[in-house]
């Protein structure tokens, strides 16, 4: 699941013409938190982390998870 979340984060950032760094700054996320997630050191990201990422993109959690990647 972690890989799918990372893939979705990258995809959404690109769709919004933003870098991951820009999204986390806007969402108020700590760089270390995202670094651990992207490197695979964090296997189970908190919902609050994904929520802050969504804030950085001005989307809802529903928008984040509304993708066929999460169907299985």
C-alpha atoms as a PDB file:
ATOM      1  CA  UNK A   1       0.000   0.000   0.000  1.00  0.00           C
ATOM      2  CA  UNK A   2       2.876   2.356   0.770  1.00  0.00           C
ATOM      3  CA  UNK A   3       4.082   2.192  -2.834  1.00  0.00           C
ATOM      4  CA  UNK A   4       0.615   3.049  -4.125  1.00  0.00           C
ATOM      5  CA  UNK A   5       0.363   6.054  -1.793  1.00  0.00           C
ATOM      6  CA  UNK A   6       3.768   7.338  -2.926  1.00  0.00           C
ATOM      7  CA  UNK A   7       2.817   6.849  -6.573  1.00  0.00           C
ATOM      8  CA  UNK A   8      -0.448   8.745  -6.012  1.00  0.00           C
ATOM      9  CA  UNK A   9       1.361  11.610  -4.272  1.00  0.00           C
ATOM     10  CA  UNK A  10       3.769  11.982  -7.188  1.00  0.00           C
ATOM     11  CA  UNK A  11       0.938  11.749  -9.693  1.00  0.00           C
ATOM     12  CA  UNK A  12      -1.203  14.384  -7.971  1.00  0.00           C
ATOM     13  CA  UNK A  13       1.709  16.768  -7.487  1.00  0.00           C
ATOM     14  CA  UNK A  14       2.517  16.517 -11.206  1.00  0.00           C
ATOM     15  CA  UNK A  15      -1.144  17.053 -12.132  1.00  0.00           C
ATOM     16  CA  UNK A  16      -1.068  20.278 -10.111  1.00  0.00           C
ATOM     17  CA  UNK A  17       2.266  21.337 -11.650  1.00  0.00           C
ATOM     18  CA  UNK A  18       3.942  21.203  -8.267  1.00  0.00           C
ATOM     19  CA  UNK A  19       6.894  19.370  -6.808  1.00  0.00           C
ATOM     20  CA  UNK A  20       6.484  17.178  -3.742  1.00  0.00           C
ATOM     21  CA  UNK A  21       8.529  19.785  -1.847  1.00  0.00           C
ATOM     22  CA  UNK A  22       6.109  22.569  -2.843  1.00  0.00           C
ATOM     23  CA  UNK A  23       3.107  20.483  -1.783  1.00  0.00           C
ATOM     24  CA  UNK A  24       4.519  19.634   1.634  1.00  0.00           C
ATOM     25  CA  UNK A  25       5.517  23.236   2.296  1.00  0.00           C
ATOM     26  CA  UNK A  26       2.018  24.437   1.427  1.00  0.00           C
ATOM     27  CA  UNK A  27       0.430  21.642   3.473  1.00  0.00           C
ATOM     28  CA  UNK A  28       2.634  22.200   6.509  1.00  0.00           C
ATOM     29  CA  UNK A  29       4.335  18.816   6.417  1.00  0.00           C
ATOM     30  CA  UNK A  30       7.766  18.148   7.832  1.00  0.00           C
ATOM     31  CA  UNK A  31      10.408  17.334   5.209  1.00  0.00           C
ATOM     32  CA  UNK A  32      11.665  14.436   7.343  1.00  0.00           C
ATOM     33  CA  UNK A  33       8.204  12.864   7.412  1.00  0.00           C
ATOM     34  CA  UNK A  34       7.958  12.857   3.624  1.00  0.00           C
ATOM     35  CA  UNK A  35      11.567  11.730   3.208  1.00  0.00           C
ATOM     36  CA  UNK A  36      10.899   8.706   5.419  1.00  0.00           C
ATOM     37  CA  UNK A  37       7.732   7.909   3.484  1.00  0.00           C
ATOM     38  CA  UNK A  38       9.348   8.288   0.052  1.00  0.00           C
ATOM     39  CA  UNK A  39      12.377   6.215   1.033  1.00  0.00           C
ATOM     40  CA  UNK A  40      10.219   3.401   2.391  1.00  0.00           C
ATOM     41  CA  UNK A  41      11.383   3.764   5.994  1.00  0.00           C
ATOM     42  CA  UNK A  42       7.778   4.573   6.929  1.00  0.00           C
ATOM     43  CA  UNK A  43       5.594   1.676   5.843  1.00  0.00           C
ATOM     44  CA  UNK A  44       2.266   2.956   7.142  1.00  0.00           C
ATOM     45  CA  UNK A  45       1.762   6.706   6.676  1.00  0.00           C
ATOM     46  CA  UNK A  46      -0.652   8.356   9.046  1.00  0.00           C
ATOM     47  CA  UNK A  47      -3.931   9.652   7.714  1.00  0.00           C
ATOM     48  CA  UNK A  48      -2.919  13.053   9.086  1.00  0.00           C
ATOM     49  CA  UNK A  49       0.146  13.015   6.816  1.00  0.00           C
ATOM     50  CA  UNK A  50      -1.980  12.278   3.763  1.00  0.00           C
ATOM     51  CA  UNK A  51      -4.484  14.924   4.897  1.00  0.00           C
ATOM     52  CA  UNK A  52      -1.775  17.581   5.093  1.00  0.00           C
ATOM     53  CA  UNK A  53      -0.557  16.534   1.664  1.00  0.00           C
ATOM     54  CA  UNK A  54      -4.113  17.035   0.418  1.00  0.00           C
ATOM     55  CA  UNK A  55      -4.238  20.486   2.031  1.00  0.00           C
ATOM     56  CA  UNK A  56      -1.092  21.362   0.079  1.00  0.00           C
ATOM     57  CA  UNK A  57      -2.917  20.470  -3.129  1.00  0.00           C
ATOM     58  CA  UNK A  58      -6.263  21.920  -2.015  1.00  0.00           C
ATOM     59  CA  UNK A  59      -7.999  18.571  -2.529  1.00  0.00           C
ATOM     60  CA  UNK A  60      -9.984  16.280  -0.241  1.00  0.00           C
ATOM     61  CA  UNK A  61      -8.961  12.901   1.128  1.00  0.00           C
ATOM     62  CA  UNK A  62     -11.702  11.484  -1.065  1.00  0.00           C
ATOM     63  CA  UNK A  63      -9.986  13.014  -4.111  1.00  0.00           C
ATOM     64  CA  UNK A  64      -6.703  11.451  -3.033  1.00  0.00           C
ATOM     65  CA  UNK A  65      -8.118   7.953  -2.687  1.00  0.00           C
ATOM     66  CA  UNK A  66     -10.482   8.204  -5.659  1.00  0.00           C
ATOM     67  CA  UNK A  67      -8.245   6.206  -7.970  1.00  0.00           C
ATOM     68  CA  UNK A  68      -8.383   2.658  -9.304  1.00  0.00           C
ATOM     69  CA  UNK A  69      -5.019   1.984  -7.624  1.00  0.00           C
ATOM     70  CA  UNK A  70      -6.870   1.745  -4.306  1.00  0.00           C
ATOM     71  CA  UNK A  71      -9.596  -0.635  -5.507  1.00  0.00           C
ATOM     72  CA  UNK A  72      -7.686  -3.812  -4.735  1.00  0.00           C
END
